[in-house]
Amino acid sequence: MLPRYLLAAALVPLLGACGGAQTGKVASASTAPPPRASVPVRAPVRTTPPPARILAAPGLEGVVGHSAHELERQFGPARLDVLEGDARKLQFSAAACVLDVYLYPRPDGREAQATYVEARRASDGQDVDRAACIAALRKR
């Protein structure tokens, strides 16, 4: 059996042949940027939002269809006033319940109107009757 150093010395020329000629430079695939596809750029089309679907249910007449100003006149200042894109959420609360009112812009450009209402118990977040919550908020 050959001593280990002789075996290692015999492998060096073989390993050197694998690398090819070394010039000290790192080879790269290409220095030019990849070709770009020609894609026409179009200006975004601005359209008016579709009309909001309005929730119609008994007991919601004093809320749905009204503006933020009219709602705050009824219930006092909103606990939360959140803007989300072109929509707005007002939140009113009392000991009995929390009322979320969603307002969306009108197609004619006038002030946004309430179109949807959600109500839940303040204690545990379980859904409650919307009309009952509205009545409770008006009594406070």
N, C-alpha and C. Protein backbone atom coordinates (compact mmCIF):
# COMPACT_ATOMS: atom_id res chain seq x y z
N MET A 1 0.83 -1.17 0.00
CA MET A 1 0.00 0.00 0.00
C MET A 1 0.88 1.24 0.00
N LEU A 2 0.49 2.26 -0.77
CA LEU A 2 1.27 3.47 -0.88
C LEU A 2 1.08 4.33 0.35
N PRO A 3 2.12 5.03 0.76
CA PRO A 3 1.93 5.96 1.87
C PRO A 3 0.97 7.07 1.43
N ARG A 4 0.32 7.63 2.39
CA ARG A 4 -0.72 8.63 2.13
C ARG A 4 -0.18 9.85 1.40
N TYR A 5 1.00 10.31 1.73
CA TYR A 5 1.51 11.52 1.08
C TYR A 5 1.79 11.26 -0.39
N LEU A 6 2.21 10.04 -0.75
CA LEU A 6 2.43 9.73 -2.16
C LEU A 6 1.09 9.69 -2.92
N LEU A 7 0.07 9.16 -2.26
CA LEU A 7 -1.24 9.10 -2.88
C LEU A 7 -1.78 10.52 -3.11
N ALA A 8 -1.60 11.39 -2.13
CA ALA A 8 -2.06 12.77 -2.27
C ALA A 8 -1.28 13.48 -3.38
N ALA A 9 0.02 13.25 -3.46
CA ALA A 9 0.85 13.88 -4.48
C ALA A 9 0.45 13.40 -5.88
N ALA A 10 0.01 12.17 -5.99
CA ALA A 10 -0.41 11.63 -7.28
C ALA A 10 -1.74 12.23 -7.72
N LEU A 11 -2.59 12.63 -6.77
CA LEU A 11 -3.91 13.20 -7.10
C LEU A 11 -3.85 14.68 -7.47
N VAL A 12 -2.82 15.41 -7.09
CA VAL A 12 -2.73 16.84 -7.35
C VAL A 12 -2.78 17.15 -8.84
N PRO A 13 -1.99 16.49 -9.70
CA PRO A 13 -2.07 16.82 -11.13
C PRO A 13 -3.45 16.53 -11.72
N LEU A 14 -4.10 15.51 -11.22
CA LEU A 14 -5.44 15.19 -11.72
C LEU A 14 -6.44 16.29 -11.37
N LEU A 15 -6.37 16.78 -10.15
CA LEU A 15 -7.28 17.85 -9.71
C LEU A 15 -6.99 19.14 -10.46
N GLY A 16 -5.75 19.42 -10.75
CA GLY A 16 -5.39 20.63 -11.49
C GLY A 16 -5.93 20.60 -12.91
N ALA A 17 -6.02 19.43 -13.51
CA ALA A 17 -6.53 19.31 -14.87
C ALA A 17 -8.02 19.60 -14.94
N CYS A 18 -8.73 19.40 -13.84
CA CYS A 18 -10.18 19.65 -13.83
C CYS A 18 -10.50 21.13 -13.93
N GLY A 19 -9.66 21.99 -13.45
CA GLY A 19 -9.96 23.42 -13.41
C GLY A 19 -9.74 24.12 -14.73
N GLY A 20 -9.03 23.59 -15.65
CA GLY A 20 -8.75 24.25 -16.91
C GLY A 20 -7.77 25.38 -16.70
N ALA A 21 -7.64 26.22 -17.70
CA ALA A 21 -6.70 27.34 -17.62
C ALA A 21 -7.28 28.43 -16.74
N GLN A 22 -6.52 28.93 -15.83
CA GLN A 22 -6.95 29.98 -14.91
C GLN A 22 -6.34 31.29 -15.36
N THR A 23 -7.19 32.33 -15.54
CA THR A 23 -6.67 33.62 -15.97
C THR A 23 -6.78 34.65 -14.87
N GLY A 24 -7.36 34.27 -13.73
CA GLY A 24 -7.52 35.22 -12.63
C GLY A 24 -8.83 35.99 -12.72
N LYS A 25 -9.60 35.79 -13.79
CA LYS A 25 -10.87 36.47 -13.96
C LYS A 25 -12.00 35.49 -13.67
N VAL A 26 -13.06 36.03 -13.18
CA VAL A 26 -14.24 35.21 -12.93
C VAL A 26 -15.11 35.27 -14.18
N ALA A 27 -15.45 34.13 -14.68
CA ALA A 27 -16.27 34.08 -15.88
C ALA A 27 -17.71 34.42 -15.53
N SER A 28 -18.36 35.19 -16.39
CA SER A 28 -19.77 35.50 -16.17
C SER A 28 -20.53 35.12 -17.42
N ALA A 29 -21.80 34.88 -17.23
CA ALA A 29 -22.61 34.44 -18.36
C ALA A 29 -22.76 35.57 -19.38
N SER A 30 -23.02 36.78 -18.91
CA SER A 30 -23.19 37.90 -19.82
C SER A 30 -23.15 39.18 -19.03
N THR A 31 -22.60 40.22 -19.62
CA THR A 31 -22.59 41.51 -18.93
C THR A 31 -23.72 42.40 -19.40
N ALA A 32 -24.38 42.01 -20.47
CA ALA A 32 -25.49 42.81 -20.98
C ALA A 32 -26.77 42.44 -20.21
N PRO A 33 -27.64 43.42 -19.99
CA PRO A 33 -28.90 43.10 -19.29
C PRO A 33 -29.77 42.21 -20.16
N PRO A 34 -30.62 41.43 -19.53
CA PRO A 34 -31.47 40.55 -20.33
C PRO A 34 -32.41 41.38 -21.19
N PRO A 35 -32.80 40.87 -22.34
CA PRO A 35 -33.70 41.63 -23.23
C PRO A 35 -35.06 41.83 -22.57
N ARG A 36 -35.64 43.00 -22.82
CA ARG A 36 -36.95 43.31 -22.25
C ARG A 36 -38.01 43.14 -23.31
N ALA A 37 -39.13 42.62 -22.87
CA ALA A 37 -40.26 42.50 -23.79
C ALA A 37 -40.91 43.87 -23.90
N SER A 38 -41.32 44.23 -25.06
CA SER A 38 -41.96 45.52 -25.26
C SER A 38 -43.44 45.39 -24.92
N VAL A 39 -43.83 45.98 -23.78
CA VAL A 39 -45.22 45.92 -23.34
C VAL A 39 -45.76 47.34 -23.29
N PRO A 40 -46.82 47.61 -24.01
CA PRO A 40 -47.37 48.97 -23.97
C PRO A 40 -47.94 49.26 -22.58
N VAL A 41 -47.68 50.46 -22.12
CA VAL A 41 -48.18 50.88 -20.81
C VAL A 41 -49.42 51.72 -21.03
N ARG A 42 -50.49 51.33 -20.35
CA ARG A 42 -51.74 52.06 -20.49
C ARG A 42 -52.03 52.81 -19.19
N ALA A 43 -52.60 53.96 -19.33
CA ALA A 43 -53.02 54.71 -18.15
C ALA A 43 -54.19 53.99 -17.51
N PRO A 44 -54.25 53.98 -16.17
CA PRO A 44 -55.36 53.29 -15.52
C PRO A 44 -56.69 53.95 -15.90
N VAL A 45 -57.67 53.13 -16.07
CA VAL A 45 -59.00 53.63 -16.42
C VAL A 45 -59.71 54.02 -15.13
N ARG A 46 -60.11 55.26 -15.04
CA ARG A 46 -60.82 55.72 -13.85
C ARG A 46 -62.31 55.60 -14.10
N THR A 47 -62.92 54.84 -13.24
CA THR A 47 -64.36 54.69 -13.32
C THR A 47 -64.96 55.05 -11.98
N THR A 48 -66.18 55.41 -11.99
CA THR A 48 -66.86 55.67 -10.73
C THR A 48 -67.20 54.33 -10.09
N PRO A 49 -67.16 54.26 -8.76
CA PRO A 49 -67.46 52.99 -8.12
C PRO A 49 -68.91 52.60 -8.38
N PRO A 50 -69.18 51.32 -8.38
CA PRO A 50 -70.56 50.90 -8.58
C PRO A 50 -71.40 51.38 -7.40
N PRO A 51 -72.68 51.58 -7.60
CA PRO A 51 -73.50 52.03 -6.49
C PRO A 51 -73.51 50.99 -5.38
N ALA A 52 -73.45 51.47 -4.15
CA ALA A 52 -73.43 50.57 -3.00
C ALA A 52 -74.80 49.92 -2.85
N ARG A 53 -74.78 48.67 -2.46
CA ARG A 53 -76.04 47.99 -2.17
C ARG A 53 -76.48 48.43 -0.78
N ILE A 54 -77.70 48.84 -0.68
CA ILE A 54 -78.20 49.40 0.56
C ILE A 54 -79.00 48.35 1.31
N LEU A 55 -78.63 48.17 2.59
CA LEU A 55 -79.31 47.24 3.47
C LEU A 55 -80.66 47.84 3.85
N ALA A 56 -81.72 47.13 3.57
CA ALA A 56 -83.05 47.62 3.92
C ALA A 56 -83.68 46.62 4.87
N ALA A 57 -83.92 47.04 6.11
CA ALA A 57 -84.55 46.18 7.11
C ALA A 57 -85.31 47.06 8.09
N PRO A 58 -86.38 46.56 8.67
CA PRO A 58 -87.14 47.35 9.63
C PRO A 58 -86.27 47.80 10.80
N GLY A 59 -86.43 49.04 11.20
CA GLY A 59 -85.69 49.59 12.32
C GLY A 59 -84.41 50.30 11.93
N LEU A 60 -84.02 50.21 10.66
CA LEU A 60 -82.77 50.83 10.20
C LEU A 60 -83.03 52.13 9.45
N GLU A 61 -84.29 52.53 9.34
CA GLU A 61 -84.64 53.70 8.53
C GLU A 61 -83.91 54.96 8.98
N GLY A 62 -83.69 55.14 10.24
CA GLY A 62 -83.03 56.35 10.73
C GLY A 62 -81.52 56.34 10.57
N VAL A 63 -80.96 55.23 10.10
CA VAL A 63 -79.51 55.10 9.96
C VAL A 63 -79.12 54.94 8.49
N VAL A 64 -79.64 53.92 7.85
CA VAL A 64 -79.30 53.64 6.45
C VAL A 64 -79.81 54.78 5.57
N GLY A 65 -78.91 55.27 4.73
CA GLY A 65 -79.25 56.37 3.84
C GLY A 65 -78.84 57.73 4.38
N HIS A 66 -78.34 57.77 5.61
CA HIS A 66 -77.96 59.05 6.21
C HIS A 66 -76.45 59.28 6.14
N SER A 67 -76.05 60.54 6.25
CA SER A 67 -74.63 60.92 6.19
C SER A 67 -73.99 60.76 7.56
N ALA A 68 -72.68 60.88 7.61
CA ALA A 68 -71.94 60.79 8.87
C ALA A 68 -72.38 61.90 9.83
N HIS A 69 -72.58 63.08 9.29
CA HIS A 69 -73.01 64.21 10.12
C HIS A 69 -74.37 63.92 10.77
N GLU A 70 -75.29 63.39 10.00
CA GLU A 70 -76.61 63.06 10.53
C GLU A 70 -76.54 61.95 11.57
N LEU A 71 -75.66 60.97 11.37
CA LEU A 71 -75.51 59.88 12.34
C LEU A 71 -74.93 60.40 13.65
N GLU A 72 -73.94 61.28 13.57
CA GLU A 72 -73.34 61.82 14.80
C GLU A 72 -74.32 62.75 15.53
N ARG A 73 -75.26 63.33 14.83
CA ARG A 73 -76.30 64.12 15.48
C ARG A 73 -77.23 63.20 16.28
N GLN A 74 -77.47 62.01 15.77
CA GLN A 74 -78.33 61.04 16.45
C GLN A 74 -77.65 60.37 17.64
N PHE A 75 -76.42 59.92 17.43
CA PHE A 75 -75.75 59.06 18.40
C PHE A 75 -74.60 59.72 19.16
N GLY A 76 -74.25 60.93 18.82
CA GLY A 76 -73.08 61.58 19.41
C GLY A 76 -71.84 61.25 18.62
N PRO A 77 -70.69 61.69 19.12
CA PRO A 77 -69.44 61.44 18.38
C PRO A 77 -69.16 59.94 18.23
N ALA A 78 -68.65 59.57 17.08
CA ALA A 78 -68.31 58.17 16.83
C ALA A 78 -67.12 57.76 17.68
N ARG A 79 -67.15 56.55 18.17
CA ARG A 79 -66.02 56.00 18.94
C ARG A 79 -64.83 55.77 18.01
N LEU A 80 -65.12 55.29 16.81
CA LEU A 80 -64.10 55.09 15.78
C LEU A 80 -64.59 55.70 14.48
N ASP A 81 -63.67 56.25 13.72
CA ASP A 81 -63.96 56.79 12.39
C ASP A 81 -62.83 56.32 11.49
N VAL A 82 -63.09 55.29 10.70
CA VAL A 82 -62.04 54.63 9.91
C VAL A 82 -62.31 54.80 8.42
N LEU A 83 -61.29 55.27 7.69
CA LEU A 83 -61.38 55.38 6.24
C LEU A 83 -60.69 54.18 5.62
N GLU A 84 -61.37 53.52 4.69
CA GLU A 84 -60.81 52.37 3.99
C GLU A 84 -61.09 52.57 2.50
N GLY A 85 -60.14 53.13 1.78
CA GLY A 85 -60.36 53.43 0.37
C GLY A 85 -61.40 54.52 0.26
N ASP A 86 -62.45 54.26 -0.49
CA ASP A 86 -63.50 55.26 -0.60
C ASP A 86 -64.63 55.02 0.40
N ALA A 87 -64.50 53.99 1.22
CA ALA A 87 -65.51 53.67 2.24
C ALA A 87 -65.11 54.28 3.58
N ARG A 88 -66.09 54.38 4.46
CA ARG A 88 -65.87 54.93 5.80
C ARG A 88 -66.67 54.10 6.79
N LYS A 89 -66.08 53.81 7.94
CA LYS A 89 -66.79 53.08 8.99
C LYS A 89 -66.85 53.95 10.23
N LEU A 90 -68.05 54.14 10.74
CA LEU A 90 -68.25 54.83 12.01
C LEU A 90 -68.69 53.79 13.02
N GLN A 91 -68.13 53.87 14.23
CA GLN A 91 -68.52 52.94 15.28
C GLN A 91 -69.07 53.72 16.46
N PHE A 92 -70.26 53.34 16.89
CA PHE A 92 -70.91 53.94 18.05
C PHE A 92 -71.07 52.84 19.08
N SER A 93 -70.93 53.19 20.37
CA SER A 93 -71.04 52.15 21.38
C SER A 93 -71.76 52.67 22.62
N ALA A 94 -72.36 51.73 23.30
CA ALA A 94 -73.02 51.96 24.59
C ALA A 94 -72.78 50.71 25.41
N ALA A 95 -73.30 50.68 26.63
CA ALA A 95 -73.12 49.51 27.49
C ALA A 95 -73.76 48.28 26.86
N ALA A 96 -74.87 48.47 26.15
CA ALA A 96 -75.60 47.33 25.59
C ALA A 96 -74.97 46.76 24.33
N CYS A 97 -74.45 47.62 23.46
CA CYS A 97 -74.01 47.11 22.16
C CYS A 97 -73.02 48.05 21.48
N VAL A 98 -72.45 47.54 20.41
CA VAL A 98 -71.55 48.30 19.53
C VAL A 98 -72.18 48.26 18.14
N LEU A 99 -72.27 49.42 17.52
CA LEU A 99 -72.88 49.54 16.19
C LEU A 99 -71.83 50.03 15.21
N ASP A 100 -71.61 49.27 14.15
CA ASP A 100 -70.71 49.67 13.07
C ASP A 100 -71.58 50.07 11.88
N VAL A 101 -71.36 51.29 11.40
CA VAL A 101 -72.12 51.80 10.26
C VAL A 101 -71.14 52.06 9.13
N TYR A 102 -71.42 51.49 7.96
CA TYR A 102 -70.54 51.61 6.81
C TYR A 102 -71.15 52.60 5.82
N LEU A 103 -70.35 53.58 5.43
CA LEU A 103 -70.80 54.62 4.51
C LEU A 103 -70.00 54.51 3.21
N TYR A 104 -70.71 54.64 2.10
CA TYR A 104 -70.07 54.56 0.79
C TYR A 104 -70.46 55.79 -0.02
N PRO A 105 -69.61 56.20 -0.97
CA PRO A 105 -69.91 57.38 -1.78
C PRO A 105 -71.15 57.16 -2.63
N ARG A 106 -71.85 58.24 -2.88
CA ARG A 106 -73.02 58.18 -3.75
C ARG A 106 -72.57 58.34 -5.20
N PRO A 107 -73.27 57.74 -6.12
CA PRO A 107 -72.88 57.86 -7.53
C PRO A 107 -72.92 59.31 -8.03
N ASP A 108 -73.77 60.15 -7.43
CA ASP A 108 -73.87 61.53 -7.90
C ASP A 108 -72.81 62.44 -7.30
N GLY A 109 -71.90 61.89 -6.49
CA GLY A 109 -70.81 62.67 -5.93
C GLY A 109 -71.13 63.38 -4.62
N ARG A 110 -72.35 63.29 -4.16
CA ARG A 110 -72.69 63.92 -2.88
C ARG A 110 -72.05 63.16 -1.74
N GLU A 111 -72.22 63.69 -0.53
CA GLU A 111 -71.63 63.11 0.68
C GLU A 111 -72.00 61.63 0.82
N ALA A 112 -71.04 60.84 1.32
CA ALA A 112 -71.26 59.40 1.48
C ALA A 112 -72.46 59.14 2.38
N GLN A 113 -73.11 58.00 2.14
CA GLN A 113 -74.28 57.64 2.93
C GLN A 113 -74.10 56.26 3.55
N ALA A 114 -74.77 56.05 4.67
CA ALA A 114 -74.74 54.75 5.34
C ALA A 114 -75.51 53.75 4.49
N THR A 115 -74.87 52.63 4.23
CA THR A 115 -75.51 51.61 3.41
C THR A 115 -75.60 50.26 4.12
N TYR A 116 -74.81 50.06 5.17
CA TYR A 116 -74.79 48.77 5.85
C TYR A 116 -74.52 48.98 7.33
N VAL A 117 -75.12 48.12 8.16
CA VAL A 117 -75.01 48.25 9.62
C VAL A 117 -74.75 46.87 10.21
N GLU A 118 -73.84 46.80 11.18
CA GLU A 118 -73.61 45.57 11.96
C GLU A 118 -73.74 45.93 13.43
N ALA A 119 -74.26 45.01 14.24
CA ALA A 119 -74.40 45.26 15.67
C ALA A 119 -73.97 44.03 16.45
N ARG A 120 -73.35 44.26 17.61
CA ARG A 120 -72.90 43.16 18.47
C ARG A 120 -72.91 43.61 19.92
N ARG A 121 -72.93 42.64 20.80
CA ARG A 121 -72.89 42.95 22.23
C ARG A 121 -71.52 43.49 22.58
N ALA A 122 -71.50 44.46 23.45
CA ALA A 122 -70.22 45.05 23.88
C ALA A 122 -69.44 44.07 24.74
N SER A 123 -70.12 43.19 25.46
CA SER A 123 -69.45 42.30 26.40
C SER A 123 -68.69 41.16 25.75
N ASP A 124 -69.30 40.53 24.73
CA ASP A 124 -68.65 39.35 24.16
C ASP A 124 -68.59 39.33 22.63
N GLY A 125 -69.09 40.37 21.98
CA GLY A 125 -68.99 40.46 20.53
C GLY A 125 -70.00 39.63 19.76
N GLN A 126 -70.95 38.99 20.43
CA GLN A 126 -71.97 38.20 19.74
C GLN A 126 -72.94 39.12 19.02
N ASP A 127 -73.39 38.71 17.83
CA ASP A 127 -74.33 39.51 17.05
C ASP A 127 -75.60 39.76 17.84
N VAL A 128 -76.14 40.97 17.68
CA VAL A 128 -77.43 41.32 18.27
C VAL A 128 -78.30 41.95 17.19
N ASP A 129 -79.57 42.11 17.49
CA ASP A 129 -80.50 42.72 16.56
C ASP A 129 -80.07 44.17 16.29
N ARG A 130 -79.94 44.51 15.02
CA ARG A 130 -79.48 45.84 14.64
C ARG A 130 -80.43 46.93 15.11
N ALA A 131 -81.72 46.73 14.88
CA ALA A 131 -82.71 47.74 15.27
C ALA A 131 -82.72 47.95 16.78
N ALA A 132 -82.57 46.86 17.56
CA ALA A 132 -82.55 46.97 19.03
C ALA A 132 -81.31 47.76 19.47
N CYS A 133 -80.20 47.54 18.82
CA CYS A 133 -78.97 48.26 19.17
C CYS A 133 -79.13 49.75 18.85
N ILE A 134 -79.73 50.05 17.71
CA ILE A 134 -79.95 51.45 17.33
C ILE A 134 -80.85 52.13 18.37
N ALA A 135 -81.91 51.44 18.79
CA ALA A 135 -82.81 51.99 19.79
C ALA A 135 -82.08 52.21 21.12
N ALA A 136 -81.21 51.28 21.50
CA ALA A 136 -80.46 51.43 22.76
C ALA A 136 -79.50 52.60 22.68
N LEU A 137 -78.87 52.82 21.54
CA LEU A 137 -77.95 53.94 21.39
C LEU A 137 -78.69 55.28 21.42
N ARG A 138 -79.91 55.30 20.92
CA ARG A 138 -80.68 56.55 20.94
C ARG A 138 -81.13 56.90 22.35
N LYS A 139 -81.32 55.91 23.22
CA LYS A 139 -81.80 56.15 24.59
C LYS A 139 -80.73 56.68 25.51
N ARG A 140 -79.49 56.48 25.20
CA ARG A 140 -78.46 56.89 26.16
C ARG A 140 -78.29 58.35 26.25
